[in-house]
N, C-alpha and C. Protein backbone atom coordinates (compact mmCIF):
# COMPACT_ATOMS: atom_id res chain seq x y z
N MET A 1 -12.69 25.89 -7.48
CA MET A 1 -13.51 24.88 -6.84
C MET A 1 -12.90 23.50 -7.12
N PRO A 2 -13.01 22.61 -6.16
CA PRO A 2 -12.46 21.26 -6.34
C PRO A 2 -13.32 20.40 -7.27
N THR A 3 -12.67 19.43 -7.87
CA THR A 3 -13.36 18.46 -8.71
C THR A 3 -13.60 17.21 -7.88
N TYR A 4 -14.82 16.70 -7.91
CA TYR A 4 -15.17 15.50 -7.18
C TYR A 4 -15.61 14.41 -8.15
N ILE A 5 -15.26 13.19 -7.85
CA ILE A 5 -15.68 12.05 -8.66
C ILE A 5 -16.81 11.36 -7.92
N HIS A 6 -17.86 10.99 -8.67
CA HIS A 6 -19.03 10.34 -8.09
C HIS A 6 -19.31 9.04 -8.83
N VAL A 7 -20.02 8.14 -8.16
CA VAL A 7 -20.41 6.88 -8.77
C VAL A 7 -21.82 6.53 -8.30
N CYS A 8 -22.58 5.91 -9.19
CA CYS A 8 -23.91 5.44 -8.84
C CYS A 8 -23.78 4.04 -8.25
N THR A 9 -24.42 3.80 -7.12
CA THR A 9 -24.30 2.51 -6.43
C THR A 9 -25.34 1.49 -6.88
N GLU A 10 -26.21 1.86 -7.80
CA GLU A 10 -27.18 0.90 -8.34
C GLU A 10 -26.43 -0.16 -9.14
N GLU A 11 -26.76 -1.44 -8.93
CA GLU A 11 -26.06 -2.53 -9.60
C GLU A 11 -26.15 -2.44 -11.12
N ASP A 12 -27.31 -2.11 -11.64
CA ASP A 12 -27.49 -2.08 -13.09
C ASP A 12 -27.02 -0.77 -13.72
N CYS A 13 -26.61 0.22 -12.93
CA CYS A 13 -26.16 1.50 -13.48
C CYS A 13 -24.64 1.64 -13.39
N GLY A 14 -24.09 1.93 -12.19
CA GLY A 14 -22.64 2.07 -11.99
C GLY A 14 -22.01 3.25 -12.70
N TYR A 15 -22.79 4.23 -13.08
CA TYR A 15 -22.32 5.40 -13.82
C TYR A 15 -21.34 6.22 -12.97
N GLU A 16 -20.23 6.67 -13.58
CA GLU A 16 -19.26 7.52 -12.89
C GLU A 16 -19.19 8.86 -13.60
N TRP A 17 -19.05 9.94 -12.83
CA TRP A 17 -18.95 11.28 -13.40
C TRP A 17 -18.20 12.19 -12.45
N GLU A 18 -17.71 13.31 -13.02
CA GLU A 18 -17.02 14.34 -12.25
C GLU A 18 -17.96 15.54 -12.09
N ASP A 19 -17.80 16.22 -10.96
CA ASP A 19 -18.63 17.39 -10.70
C ASP A 19 -17.78 18.43 -9.98
N PHE A 20 -18.05 19.71 -10.23
CA PHE A 20 -17.35 20.82 -9.59
C PHE A 20 -18.31 21.53 -8.65
N TYR A 21 -17.93 21.65 -7.40
CA TYR A 21 -18.72 22.45 -6.46
C TYR A 21 -17.88 22.73 -5.23
N SER A 22 -18.32 23.69 -4.46
CA SER A 22 -17.60 24.12 -3.27
C SER A 22 -17.64 23.01 -2.21
N ILE A 23 -16.65 23.01 -1.36
CA ILE A 23 -16.61 22.04 -0.28
C ILE A 23 -17.76 22.25 0.71
N MET A 24 -18.30 23.45 0.72
CA MET A 24 -19.42 23.77 1.60
C MET A 24 -20.75 23.24 1.05
N ASP A 25 -20.83 23.01 -0.27
CA ASP A 25 -22.07 22.53 -0.88
C ASP A 25 -22.30 21.06 -0.56
N GLU A 26 -23.55 20.68 -0.57
CA GLU A 26 -23.95 19.28 -0.35
C GLU A 26 -23.67 18.48 -1.63
N PRO A 27 -23.04 17.29 -1.51
CA PRO A 27 -22.79 16.48 -2.71
C PRO A 27 -24.12 15.98 -3.31
N PRO A 28 -24.14 15.74 -4.63
CA PRO A 28 -25.37 15.27 -5.25
C PRO A 28 -25.73 13.87 -4.76
N LYS A 29 -27.00 13.61 -4.65
CA LYS A 29 -27.48 12.30 -4.21
C LYS A 29 -28.19 11.55 -5.34
N ILE A 30 -28.52 12.25 -6.43
CA ILE A 30 -29.26 11.65 -7.53
C ILE A 30 -28.32 11.43 -8.72
N CYS A 31 -28.33 10.22 -9.25
CA CYS A 31 -27.51 9.87 -10.42
C CYS A 31 -28.10 10.54 -11.66
N PRO A 32 -27.27 11.21 -12.47
CA PRO A 32 -27.78 11.86 -13.66
C PRO A 32 -28.21 10.88 -14.76
N LYS A 33 -27.75 9.64 -14.70
CA LYS A 33 -28.09 8.67 -15.74
C LYS A 33 -29.39 7.94 -15.42
N CYS A 34 -29.46 7.29 -14.24
CA CYS A 34 -30.65 6.51 -13.90
C CYS A 34 -31.66 7.30 -13.08
N GLU A 35 -31.26 8.49 -12.61
CA GLU A 35 -32.10 9.40 -11.84
C GLU A 35 -32.64 8.79 -10.54
N LYS A 36 -31.86 7.88 -9.96
CA LYS A 36 -32.23 7.31 -8.65
C LYS A 36 -31.33 7.94 -7.60
N GLU A 37 -31.78 7.92 -6.37
CA GLU A 37 -31.02 8.50 -5.27
C GLU A 37 -29.98 7.50 -4.77
N SER A 38 -28.93 7.34 -5.58
CA SER A 38 -27.91 6.34 -5.27
C SER A 38 -26.49 6.83 -5.56
N ALA A 39 -26.28 8.13 -5.63
CA ALA A 39 -24.96 8.68 -5.93
C ALA A 39 -24.10 8.76 -4.67
N LYS A 40 -22.84 8.41 -4.82
CA LYS A 40 -21.86 8.50 -3.73
C LYS A 40 -20.63 9.22 -4.25
N ARG A 41 -20.05 10.08 -3.42
CA ARG A 41 -18.81 10.76 -3.77
C ARG A 41 -17.64 9.86 -3.40
N LEU A 42 -16.70 9.69 -4.32
CA LEU A 42 -15.52 8.88 -4.08
C LEU A 42 -14.43 9.72 -3.43
N ILE A 43 -13.60 9.09 -2.65
CA ILE A 43 -12.47 9.78 -2.04
C ILE A 43 -11.36 9.82 -3.06
N SER A 44 -10.79 10.99 -3.28
CA SER A 44 -9.72 11.14 -4.27
C SER A 44 -8.41 11.47 -3.58
N GLY A 45 -7.37 11.69 -4.38
CA GLY A 45 -6.03 11.95 -3.85
C GLY A 45 -5.85 13.27 -3.17
N GLY A 46 -6.77 14.18 -3.29
CA GLY A 46 -6.65 15.47 -2.63
C GLY A 46 -5.90 16.48 -3.45
N SER A 47 -5.25 17.39 -2.79
CA SER A 47 -4.63 18.54 -3.46
C SER A 47 -3.27 18.22 -4.06
N GLY A 48 -2.70 17.09 -3.73
CA GLY A 48 -1.38 16.76 -4.26
C GLY A 48 -0.25 17.19 -3.34
N LYS A 49 -0.57 17.76 -2.19
CA LYS A 49 0.48 18.16 -1.26
C LYS A 49 1.21 16.92 -0.77
N GLY A 50 2.51 17.02 -0.62
CA GLY A 50 3.30 15.91 -0.13
C GLY A 50 3.86 15.04 -1.25
N ILE A 51 3.51 15.32 -2.49
CA ILE A 51 4.03 14.57 -3.62
C ILE A 51 5.35 15.21 -4.03
N VAL A 52 6.39 14.39 -4.15
CA VAL A 52 7.72 14.90 -4.49
C VAL A 52 8.10 14.37 -5.86
N CYS A 53 8.53 15.26 -6.72
CA CYS A 53 9.01 14.89 -8.05
C CYS A 53 10.52 15.03 -8.07
N LEU A 54 11.21 13.94 -8.35
CA LEU A 54 12.67 13.96 -8.42
C LEU A 54 13.10 13.89 -9.88
N THR A 55 14.14 14.63 -10.21
CA THR A 55 14.68 14.59 -11.56
C THR A 55 16.20 14.64 -11.49
N GLY A 56 16.84 14.29 -12.58
CA GLY A 56 18.29 14.41 -12.70
C GLY A 56 19.06 13.60 -11.68
N HIS A 57 20.02 14.27 -11.05
CA HIS A 57 20.92 13.61 -10.10
C HIS A 57 20.17 13.11 -8.86
N GLU A 58 19.16 13.86 -8.43
CA GLU A 58 18.39 13.43 -7.25
C GLU A 58 17.69 12.10 -7.52
N LEU A 59 17.10 11.98 -8.71
CA LEU A 59 16.41 10.74 -9.08
C LEU A 59 17.39 9.58 -9.17
N THR A 60 18.53 9.82 -9.78
CA THR A 60 19.56 8.78 -9.91
C THR A 60 20.04 8.32 -8.54
N ALA A 61 20.30 9.26 -7.65
CA ALA A 61 20.76 8.91 -6.30
C ALA A 61 19.69 8.12 -5.55
N LYS A 62 18.44 8.53 -5.66
CA LYS A 62 17.33 7.83 -4.99
C LYS A 62 17.21 6.40 -5.51
N LEU A 63 17.30 6.23 -6.82
CA LEU A 63 17.21 4.90 -7.41
C LEU A 63 18.35 4.00 -6.95
N LYS A 64 19.55 4.56 -6.85
CA LYS A 64 20.70 3.78 -6.38
C LYS A 64 20.52 3.34 -4.94
N THR A 65 20.07 4.24 -4.07
CA THR A 65 19.87 3.86 -2.66
C THR A 65 18.75 2.84 -2.53
N ASP A 66 17.68 2.99 -3.32
CA ASP A 66 16.59 2.01 -3.28
C ASP A 66 17.07 0.64 -3.76
N ALA A 67 17.91 0.63 -4.80
CA ALA A 67 18.44 -0.63 -5.32
C ALA A 67 19.32 -1.32 -4.28
N GLU A 68 20.13 -0.55 -3.56
CA GLU A 68 20.98 -1.12 -2.51
C GLU A 68 20.14 -1.73 -1.39
N LYS A 69 19.07 -1.03 -1.02
CA LYS A 69 18.18 -1.56 0.02
C LYS A 69 17.54 -2.87 -0.44
N MET A 70 17.15 -2.92 -1.70
CA MET A 70 16.53 -4.14 -2.24
C MET A 70 17.53 -5.29 -2.28
N LYS A 71 18.77 -5.01 -2.65
CA LYS A 71 19.80 -6.05 -2.68
C LYS A 71 20.02 -6.61 -1.28
N LYS A 72 20.10 -5.73 -0.28
CA LYS A 72 20.31 -6.19 1.09
C LYS A 72 19.13 -7.03 1.57
N GLU A 73 17.93 -6.59 1.24
CA GLU A 73 16.73 -7.34 1.65
C GLU A 73 16.68 -8.70 0.97
N CYS A 74 17.06 -8.75 -0.31
CA CYS A 74 17.09 -10.03 -1.03
C CYS A 74 18.13 -10.98 -0.43
N ALA A 75 19.25 -10.43 0.01
CA ALA A 75 20.31 -11.26 0.57
C ALA A 75 19.94 -11.82 1.94
N THR A 76 19.09 -11.12 2.68
CA THR A 76 18.76 -11.56 4.04
C THR A 76 17.39 -12.23 4.17
N ASN A 77 16.51 -12.04 3.20
CA ASN A 77 15.14 -12.54 3.33
C ASN A 77 14.80 -13.37 2.09
N GLU A 78 14.72 -14.70 2.26
CA GLU A 78 14.47 -15.58 1.13
C GLU A 78 13.08 -15.39 0.52
N SER A 79 12.08 -15.12 1.33
CA SER A 79 10.74 -14.93 0.77
C SER A 79 10.67 -13.63 -0.05
N TYR A 80 11.40 -12.60 0.37
CA TYR A 80 11.46 -11.35 -0.40
C TYR A 80 12.13 -11.61 -1.75
N LEU A 81 13.22 -12.39 -1.73
CA LEU A 81 13.92 -12.73 -2.96
C LEU A 81 13.02 -13.53 -3.89
N ALA A 82 12.29 -14.50 -3.34
CA ALA A 82 11.39 -15.31 -4.16
C ALA A 82 10.30 -14.44 -4.79
N ASN A 83 9.77 -13.49 -4.04
CA ASN A 83 8.76 -12.59 -4.59
C ASN A 83 9.37 -11.65 -5.62
N PHE A 84 10.59 -11.25 -5.41
CA PHE A 84 11.25 -10.29 -6.29
C PHE A 84 11.56 -10.91 -7.66
N ILE A 85 12.14 -12.11 -7.67
CA ILE A 85 12.53 -12.72 -8.94
C ILE A 85 11.49 -13.68 -9.49
N GLY A 86 10.51 -14.04 -8.69
CA GLY A 86 9.49 -14.98 -9.13
C GLY A 86 9.74 -16.34 -8.50
N GLU A 87 8.66 -16.98 -8.10
CA GLU A 87 8.76 -18.25 -7.37
C GLU A 87 9.44 -19.34 -8.22
N GLU A 88 9.07 -19.45 -9.49
CA GLU A 88 9.63 -20.50 -10.34
C GLU A 88 11.14 -20.33 -10.52
N LYS A 89 11.56 -19.12 -10.81
CA LYS A 89 12.99 -18.85 -10.99
C LYS A 89 13.75 -19.08 -9.68
N TYR A 90 13.14 -18.69 -8.56
CA TYR A 90 13.77 -18.91 -7.26
C TYR A 90 13.98 -20.40 -7.01
N GLN A 91 12.95 -21.21 -7.27
CA GLN A 91 13.06 -22.65 -7.06
C GLN A 91 14.14 -23.25 -7.97
N ASN A 92 14.22 -22.79 -9.22
CA ASN A 92 15.26 -23.28 -10.13
C ASN A 92 16.64 -22.92 -9.61
N ASN A 93 16.81 -21.70 -9.08
CA ASN A 93 18.10 -21.28 -8.53
C ASN A 93 18.48 -22.10 -7.31
N VAL A 94 17.51 -22.37 -6.44
CA VAL A 94 17.77 -23.18 -5.25
C VAL A 94 18.18 -24.59 -5.66
N SER A 95 17.49 -25.17 -6.62
CA SER A 95 17.82 -26.51 -7.10
C SER A 95 19.22 -26.54 -7.70
N ALA A 96 19.57 -25.52 -8.49
CA ALA A 96 20.90 -25.45 -9.10
C ALA A 96 21.98 -25.28 -8.03
N ASP A 97 21.71 -24.47 -7.01
CA ASP A 97 22.67 -24.28 -5.92
C ASP A 97 22.90 -25.58 -5.16
N GLU A 98 21.82 -26.28 -4.86
CA GLU A 98 21.94 -27.55 -4.14
C GLU A 98 22.73 -28.57 -4.96
N LYS A 99 22.48 -28.61 -6.26
CA LYS A 99 23.20 -29.53 -7.14
C LYS A 99 24.69 -29.18 -7.16
N ALA A 100 25.01 -27.90 -7.25
CA ALA A 100 26.41 -27.46 -7.27
C ALA A 100 27.12 -27.80 -5.95
N LYS A 101 26.41 -27.63 -4.83
CA LYS A 101 27.00 -27.97 -3.53
C LYS A 101 27.28 -29.46 -3.43
N LYS A 102 26.36 -30.28 -3.90
CA LYS A 102 26.57 -31.74 -3.86
C LYS A 102 27.76 -32.14 -4.72
N GLU A 103 27.87 -31.54 -5.91
CA GLU A 103 29.00 -31.85 -6.78
C GLU A 103 30.32 -31.39 -6.16
N ALA A 104 30.31 -30.22 -5.50
CA ALA A 104 31.53 -29.72 -4.86
C ALA A 104 31.94 -30.64 -3.70
N ASN A 105 30.97 -31.08 -2.91
CA ASN A 105 31.28 -32.00 -1.80
C ASN A 105 31.82 -33.32 -2.32
N TYR A 106 31.24 -33.81 -3.41
CA TYR A 106 31.71 -35.06 -4.00
C TYR A 106 33.14 -34.90 -4.50
N ALA A 107 33.43 -33.77 -5.15
CA ALA A 107 34.78 -33.52 -5.66
C ALA A 107 35.79 -33.43 -4.51
N LYS A 108 35.41 -32.78 -3.40
CA LYS A 108 36.30 -32.67 -2.24
C LYS A 108 36.63 -34.05 -1.69
N ARG A 109 35.60 -34.90 -1.58
CA ARG A 109 35.83 -36.25 -1.05
C ARG A 109 36.75 -37.05 -1.97
N CYS A 110 36.57 -36.90 -3.27
CA CYS A 110 37.41 -37.62 -4.22
C CYS A 110 38.86 -37.17 -4.13
N PHE A 111 39.11 -35.85 -4.01
CA PHE A 111 40.46 -35.32 -3.93
C PHE A 111 41.12 -35.73 -2.61
N LYS A 112 40.36 -35.83 -1.53
CA LYS A 112 40.93 -36.26 -0.25
C LYS A 112 41.43 -37.68 -0.37
N ARG A 113 40.68 -38.54 -1.06
CA ARG A 113 41.09 -39.93 -1.22
C ARG A 113 42.34 -40.05 -2.07
N VAL A 114 42.46 -39.20 -3.10
CA VAL A 114 43.61 -39.23 -3.97
C VAL A 114 44.86 -38.74 -3.25
N ASP A 115 44.69 -37.71 -2.39
CA ASP A 115 45.83 -37.14 -1.67
C ASP A 115 46.44 -38.11 -0.68
N ARG A 116 45.73 -39.07 -0.20
CA ARG A 116 46.26 -39.97 0.85
C ARG A 116 47.30 -40.85 0.32
């Protein structure tokens, strides 16, 4: 028989419990703690069908492909990158990049003047 999780919807109760019964049986409507007709059955994950467990080489290969996808997404989508590394760190990196570009442009201009 399946296990069902229930919760009492009364504000002052909120009791949660598990119950075993056939899918054909009617779910309980009365909370065992406050004894009011306020019990609701929660939706659970089901039987577990469709869940895949990877181990060993399969897991390693999956992690590598996922990492490559994330790298590509970070390279093409700035908001994804900011969410991935954190907004503060992203802003610091952008500021550092802008500063480096300005210094490089300044150095190029100085070398052009010297070369003449």
